[in-house]
Amino acid sequence: MAKVAFLGLGVMGAPMAGHLAKAGHEVCVYNRTTAKAEAWAGKHGGTFATTPREAASGAAFVMACVGNDDDLAQICRGADGAFAGMDKGTVFVDHTTVSASITRALAEEAAATGLGFVDAPVSGGQAGAENGVLSIMCGGSEGDYARAEPVMAAYGRTVKRLGEVGSGQIAKMMNQICIAGLVQGLAEALRFGEKAGMDGKAVIEVIQGGAAGSWQMANRHETMLDGKFDYGFAVDWMRKDLGICLQTANEIGAPLPVTALIDQFYKDVQGLGGGRWDTSSLIERLRRLS
């Protein structure tokens, strides 16, 4: 078992850190709201720190799951940042969904001081984090990944290295592009059925085992039909992720016409006051239109 620091105790980070403690690792946590870190430590038997540097001191692995590029840079850099407290040879594992550019920049900074770096964004949502069955897409050197993989296994069901640093973030972008199209297609089908007078739940029973089936269909069709949108990843966060996808697509010359359109649909949902609704709320936009 290892000494591990975990930075960021949101809806994903808190249960992920909990699985590390349950697996027997010695865990020290940090969160911008210190009271949350203190409460986590009291519940799970770990310790807490008031700065990323303090949390990272003496750890063999430092895991992070924060909000965006700026949040990640802030916890890594500076006198109180994690990098300043990490010993040579320590591996930093970033589970945040951020741009590949900040990932590569931080990895270079880490390498300059003898630190390892693995970008490891996750998929599976809050439920996946709570149940310890996340899919983890990783980028980094073979050596850094090999050291970190057994630790990530505490909360990951599928953990795979996909290439050098930045590859994990590109894979997560592909994941979000797929989800956007799937959710919009499902929303359109369900609203079409409503307008045609069909029993949507009965129809899904028939079609979900065929070629149209997906995780979104199996897990979100009932709540979409019931107009309940507090079961998953928030629209605000999806727009952040799709913005990263679109910016990267522009940089590499990859057309994303459907993704760009659905990003605007999510902007409409935000305009309806649904920024904190989950991504399946695209159906509510269609209901307001018809």
Protein backbone atom coordinates (compact mmCIF):
# COMPACT_ATOMS: atom_id res chain seq x y z
CA MET A 1 0.00 0.00 0.00
CA ALA A 2 1.13 3.54 -0.74
CA LYS A 3 0.98 7.01 0.75
CA VAL A 4 -1.36 8.94 -1.54
CA ALA A 5 -2.52 12.55 -1.70
CA PHE A 6 -5.88 13.36 -3.28
CA LEU A 7 -6.61 16.94 -4.33
CA GLY A 8 -10.24 17.90 -4.94
CA LEU A 9 -13.22 16.43 -3.11
CA GLY A 10 -16.15 17.13 -5.40
CA VAL A 11 -18.83 14.63 -6.37
CA MET A 12 -16.17 12.56 -8.16
CA GLY A 13 -13.08 13.13 -6.05
CA ALA A 14 -14.56 12.43 -2.62
CA PRO A 15 -15.71 8.87 -3.42
CA MET A 16 -12.55 8.14 -5.44
CA ALA A 17 -10.41 9.11 -2.45
CA GLY A 18 -12.69 7.00 -0.29
CA HIS A 19 -11.96 3.92 -2.40
CA LEU A 20 -8.23 4.54 -1.96
CA ALA A 21 -8.65 4.59 1.81
CA LYS A 22 -10.83 1.49 1.70
CA ALA A 23 -8.15 -0.31 -0.31
CA GLY A 24 -5.68 0.33 2.49
CA HIS A 25 -3.72 3.29 1.14
CA GLU A 26 -2.63 6.05 3.50
CA VAL A 27 -4.59 9.02 2.14
CA CYS A 28 -4.16 12.74 2.78
CA VAL A 29 -6.76 14.97 1.12
CA TYR A 30 -6.91 18.62 0.13
CA ASN A 31 -9.90 20.72 -0.88
CA ARG A 32 -10.29 24.47 -1.33
CA THR A 33 -12.99 24.28 1.33
CA THR A 34 -10.96 22.96 4.24
CA ALA A 35 -14.05 21.94 6.19
CA LYS A 36 -14.91 19.45 3.45
CA ALA A 37 -11.43 17.91 3.64
CA GLU A 38 -11.63 17.72 7.42
CA ALA A 39 -15.03 16.01 7.21
CA TRP A 40 -13.72 13.51 4.65
CA ALA A 41 -10.77 12.65 6.90
CA GLY A 42 -13.06 12.15 9.87
CA LYS A 43 -15.28 9.81 7.89
CA HIS A 44 -12.59 7.74 6.18
CA GLY A 45 -9.81 7.75 8.72
CA GLY A 46 -7.32 9.66 6.58
CA THR A 47 -5.70 13.04 7.12
CA PHE A 48 -6.23 16.44 5.54
CA ALA A 49 -4.02 19.33 4.55
CA THR A 50 -4.64 23.04 4.06
CA THR A 51 -2.47 23.39 0.92
CA PRO A 52 -1.74 21.10 -2.04
CA ARG A 53 1.96 21.25 -1.14
CA GLU A 54 1.28 20.00 2.37
CA ALA A 55 -0.93 17.18 1.09
CA ALA A 56 1.67 16.09 -1.48
CA SER A 57 4.60 16.08 0.94
CA GLY A 58 5.95 12.56 1.33
CA ALA A 59 3.34 10.98 -0.96
CA ALA A 60 4.30 8.39 -3.56
CA PHE A 61 1.31 9.38 -5.71
CA VAL A 62 -0.65 12.61 -5.95
CA MET A 63 -4.09 12.32 -7.55
CA ALA A 64 -6.18 15.33 -8.59
CA CYS A 65 -9.77 15.80 -9.68
CA VAL A 66 -10.67 19.49 -9.88
CA GLY A 67 -12.74 21.70 -12.17
CA ASN A 68 -10.85 23.10 -15.14
CA ASP A 69 -7.50 24.19 -16.57
CA ASP A 70 -7.11 27.13 -14.17
CA ASP A 71 -8.00 25.03 -11.12
CA LEU A 72 -5.48 22.38 -12.12
CA ALA A 73 -2.70 24.91 -12.73
CA GLN A 74 -3.41 26.54 -9.37
CA ILE A 75 -3.06 23.34 -7.35
CA CYS A 76 0.11 22.31 -9.19
CA ARG A 77 2.11 25.51 -9.45
CA GLY A 78 3.50 28.05 -7.01
CA ALA A 79 4.97 27.92 -3.55
CA ASP A 80 1.92 26.15 -2.12
CA GLY A 81 1.33 23.97 -5.19
CA ALA A 82 1.62 20.20 -5.23
CA PHE A 83 4.76 20.16 -7.38
CA ALA A 84 6.64 22.13 -4.73
CA GLY A 85 5.91 19.48 -2.13
CA MET A 86 6.51 16.35 -4.20
CA ASP A 87 9.67 14.30 -3.88
CA LYS A 88 11.63 13.32 -6.97
CA GLY A 89 10.10 10.20 -8.51
CA THR A 90 6.58 10.89 -7.25
CA VAL A 91 3.85 10.45 -9.87
CA PHE A 92 1.15 13.08 -10.33
CA VAL A 93 -2.10 11.58 -11.71
CA ASP A 94 -4.65 14.06 -13.03
CA HIS A 95 -8.25 12.88 -13.28
CA THR A 96 -9.60 16.30 -14.28
CA THR A 97 -11.03 16.81 -17.76
CA VAL A 98 -8.87 19.64 -19.11
CA SER A 99 -7.22 20.69 -22.35
CA ALA A 100 -4.36 18.62 -23.70
CA SER A 101 -2.28 21.82 -23.83
CA ILE A 102 -2.33 22.44 -20.06
CA THR A 103 -1.72 18.74 -19.52
CA ARG A 104 1.41 18.77 -21.67
CA ALA A 105 2.65 22.02 -20.15
CA LEU A 106 2.31 20.71 -16.59
CA ALA A 107 3.86 17.38 -17.56
CA GLU A 108 6.93 19.24 -18.89
CA GLU A 109 7.19 21.23 -15.67
CA ALA A 110 6.89 18.03 -13.64
CA ALA A 111 9.53 16.25 -15.68
CA ALA A 112 11.96 19.16 -15.23
CA THR A 113 12.02 18.48 -11.50
CA GLY A 114 12.07 14.69 -11.75
CA LEU A 115 8.35 14.07 -11.25
CA GLY A 116 6.16 11.66 -13.19
CA PHE A 117 2.86 12.71 -14.76
CA VAL A 118 -0.13 10.74 -16.00
CA ASP A 119 -3.22 12.40 -17.44
CA ALA A 120 -6.13 10.14 -16.55
CA PRO A 121 -9.59 11.65 -17.14
CA VAL A 122 -12.49 9.43 -16.16
CA SER A 123 -15.89 8.42 -17.47
CA GLY A 124 -18.76 6.89 -15.55
CA GLY A 125 -20.14 9.85 -13.66
CA GLN A 126 -20.88 10.17 -9.98
CA ALA A 127 -22.37 6.68 -9.82
CA GLY A 128 -19.23 5.21 -11.36
CA ALA A 129 -17.06 7.03 -8.83
CA GLU A 130 -19.21 5.94 -5.89
CA ASN A 131 -19.23 2.31 -7.04
CA GLY A 132 -15.55 2.26 -7.98
CA VAL A 133 -16.20 1.26 -11.61
CA LEU A 134 -14.87 4.21 -13.58
CA SER A 135 -13.33 3.98 -17.02
CA ILE A 136 -9.95 5.73 -16.91
CA MET A 137 -8.22 6.93 -20.09
CA CYS A 138 -4.52 7.45 -19.52
CA GLY A 139 -1.61 9.22 -21.17
CA GLY A 140 1.98 9.13 -19.96
CA SER A 141 5.19 7.15 -20.07
CA GLU A 142 4.93 3.40 -19.76
CA GLY A 143 6.87 3.54 -16.50
CA ASP A 144 4.73 6.20 -14.84
CA TYR A 145 1.55 4.46 -15.93
CA ALA A 146 2.74 1.05 -14.71
CA ARG A 147 3.41 2.49 -11.26
CA ALA A 148 0.11 4.36 -11.04
CA GLU A 149 -2.23 1.76 -12.52
CA PRO A 150 -2.51 -0.43 -9.38
CA VAL A 151 -3.46 2.64 -7.35
CA MET A 152 -6.10 3.78 -9.88
CA ALA A 153 -7.52 0.25 -9.82
CA ALA A 154 -9.09 1.11 -6.45
CA TYR A 155 -11.80 3.05 -8.30
CA GLY A 156 -11.35 2.05 -11.94
CA ARG A 157 -12.94 -0.93 -13.65
CA THR A 158 -11.27 -0.20 -16.99
CA VAL A 159 -7.86 1.49 -16.81
CA LYS A 160 -5.81 1.75 -20.00
CA ARG A 161 -2.78 3.63 -21.27
CA LEU A 162 -3.49 5.09 -24.71
CA GLY A 163 -0.21 6.82 -25.47
CA GLU A 164 2.04 9.61 -24.24
CA VAL A 165 0.97 12.55 -22.08
CA GLY A 166 -2.16 14.20 -23.50
CA SER A 167 -3.57 10.98 -24.95
CA GLY A 168 -5.93 10.54 -22.02
CA GLN A 169 -7.42 13.99 -22.57
CA ILE A 170 -7.87 13.40 -26.29
CA ALA A 171 -9.64 10.12 -25.51
CA LYS A 172 -11.94 11.92 -23.06
CA MET A 173 -12.79 14.45 -25.76
CA MET A 174 -13.77 11.56 -28.04
CA ASN A 175 -15.91 10.19 -25.21
CA GLN A 176 -17.76 13.49 -24.77
CA ILE A 177 -18.27 13.88 -28.53
CA CYS A 178 -19.91 10.45 -28.59
CA ILE A 179 -22.12 11.19 -25.61
CA ALA A 180 -23.37 14.51 -27.02
CA GLY A 181 -24.65 12.87 -30.20
CA LEU A 182 -26.17 9.92 -28.36
CA VAL A 183 -28.10 12.06 -25.89
CA GLN A 184 -29.48 14.34 -28.58
CA GLY A 185 -30.59 11.36 -30.67
CA LEU A 186 -32.27 9.77 -27.66
CA ALA A 187 -33.96 13.06 -26.72
CA GLU A 188 -35.33 13.48 -30.24
CA ALA A 189 -36.63 9.90 -30.37
CA LEU A 190 -38.36 10.15 -27.00
CA ARG A 191 -39.94 13.51 -27.80
CA PHE A 192 -41.01 12.23 -31.21
CA GLY A 193 -42.70 9.31 -29.45
CA GLU A 194 -44.43 11.61 -26.99
CA LYS A 195 -45.83 13.73 -29.79
CA ALA A 196 -46.98 10.58 -31.62
CA GLY A 197 -48.80 9.30 -28.53
CA MET A 198 -46.49 6.35 -27.87
CA ASP A 199 -45.56 4.80 -24.52
CA GLY A 200 -41.88 5.67 -24.54
CA LYS A 201 -40.89 3.27 -21.77
CA ALA A 202 -42.57 0.38 -23.57
CA VAL A 203 -40.84 1.27 -26.82
CA ILE A 204 -37.44 1.39 -25.15
CA GLU A 205 -38.03 -2.10 -23.72
CA VAL A 206 -38.24 -3.33 -27.30
CA ILE A 207 -35.44 -1.36 -28.96
CA GLN A 208 -32.73 -1.11 -26.30
CA GLY A 209 -31.54 -4.64 -26.99
CA GLY A 210 -31.05 -3.87 -30.68
CA ALA A 211 -28.75 -1.67 -32.71
CA ALA A 212 -30.12 1.54 -31.15
CA GLY A 213 -29.16 0.50 -27.62
CA SER A 214 -26.68 2.50 -25.53
CA TRP A 215 -25.75 3.23 -21.92
CA GLN A 216 -27.62 6.51 -22.20
CA MET A 217 -30.76 4.74 -23.39
CA ALA A 218 -30.62 2.09 -20.67
CA ASN A 219 -29.87 4.49 -17.82
CA ARG A 220 -31.53 7.77 -18.75
CA HIS A 221 -34.67 7.14 -20.80
CA GLU A 222 -36.98 6.78 -17.78
CA THR A 223 -35.76 9.93 -16.05
CA MET A 224 -35.91 11.84 -19.34
CA LEU A 225 -39.53 10.79 -19.85
CA ASP A 226 -40.31 11.70 -16.24
CA GLY A 227 -38.65 15.12 -16.58
CA LYS A 228 -36.11 14.44 -13.82
CA PHE A 229 -32.65 15.82 -14.51
CA ASP A 230 -30.60 15.45 -11.34
CA TYR A 231 -29.07 12.04 -12.02
CA GLY A 232 -25.81 12.74 -13.80
CA PHE A 233 -23.23 15.07 -15.30
CA ALA A 234 -24.26 18.74 -15.25
CA VAL A 235 -24.89 20.77 -18.41
CA ASP A 236 -22.43 23.45 -17.23
CA TRP A 237 -19.65 20.87 -17.07
CA MET A 238 -20.63 19.35 -20.42
CA ARG A 239 -20.38 22.76 -22.07
CA LYS A 240 -16.94 23.18 -20.53
CA ASP A 241 -15.89 19.82 -21.98
CA LEU A 242 -17.41 20.44 -25.40
CA GLY A 243 -15.66 23.80 -25.50
CA ILE A 244 -12.35 21.95 -25.07
CA CYS A 245 -13.37 19.53 -27.83
CA LEU A 246 -14.25 22.33 -30.25
CA GLN A 247 -11.11 24.32 -29.49
CA THR A 248 -8.93 21.26 -30.04
CA ALA A 249 -10.81 20.38 -33.22
CA ASN A 250 -10.10 23.84 -34.56
CA GLU A 251 -6.41 23.47 -33.73
CA ILE A 252 -6.00 20.11 -35.47
CA GLY A 253 -8.44 20.69 -38.33
CA ALA A 254 -11.03 18.07 -37.40
CA PRO A 255 -14.66 18.98 -38.26
CA LEU A 256 -17.20 18.52 -35.45
CA PRO A 257 -20.47 19.79 -36.98
CA VAL A 258 -22.82 17.74 -34.78
CA THR A 259 -20.87 18.53 -31.60
CA ALA A 260 -20.91 22.25 -32.38
CA LEU A 261 -24.68 22.16 -32.88
CA ILE A 262 -25.37 20.24 -29.68
CA ASP A 263 -23.12 22.59 -27.74
CA GLN A 264 -25.52 25.35 -28.76
CA PHE A 265 -28.48 23.22 -27.71
CA TYR A 266 -26.87 22.92 -24.27
CA LYS A 267 -26.46 26.70 -24.27
CA ASP A 268 -30.23 26.88 -24.78
CA VAL A 269 -30.72 24.58 -21.77
CA GLN A 270 -28.57 26.91 -19.70
CA GLY A 271 -30.84 29.73 -20.84
CA LEU A 272 -33.78 27.79 -19.44
CA GLY A 273 -32.07 27.77 -16.05
CA GLY A 274 -30.80 24.23 -16.49
CA GLY A 275 -27.09 24.68 -16.02
CA ARG A 276 -27.09 22.23 -13.13
CA TRP A 277 -29.49 19.79 -14.79
CA ASP A 278 -27.85 16.65 -16.09
CA THR A 279 -27.01 16.26 -19.77
CA SER A 280 -30.16 14.27 -20.55
CA SER A 281 -32.11 17.53 -20.18
CA LEU A 282 -31.79 18.09 -23.91
CA ILE A 283 -35.29 16.61 -24.10
CA GLU A 284 -36.63 19.53 -22.05
CA ARG A 285 -35.37 21.92 -24.70
CA LEU A 286 -37.37 19.99 -27.30
CA ARG A 287 -40.48 20.06 -25.10
CA ARG A 288 -40.24 23.83 -24.80
CA LEU A 289 -40.02 24.06 -28.60
CA SER A 290 -43.11 21.94 -29.21
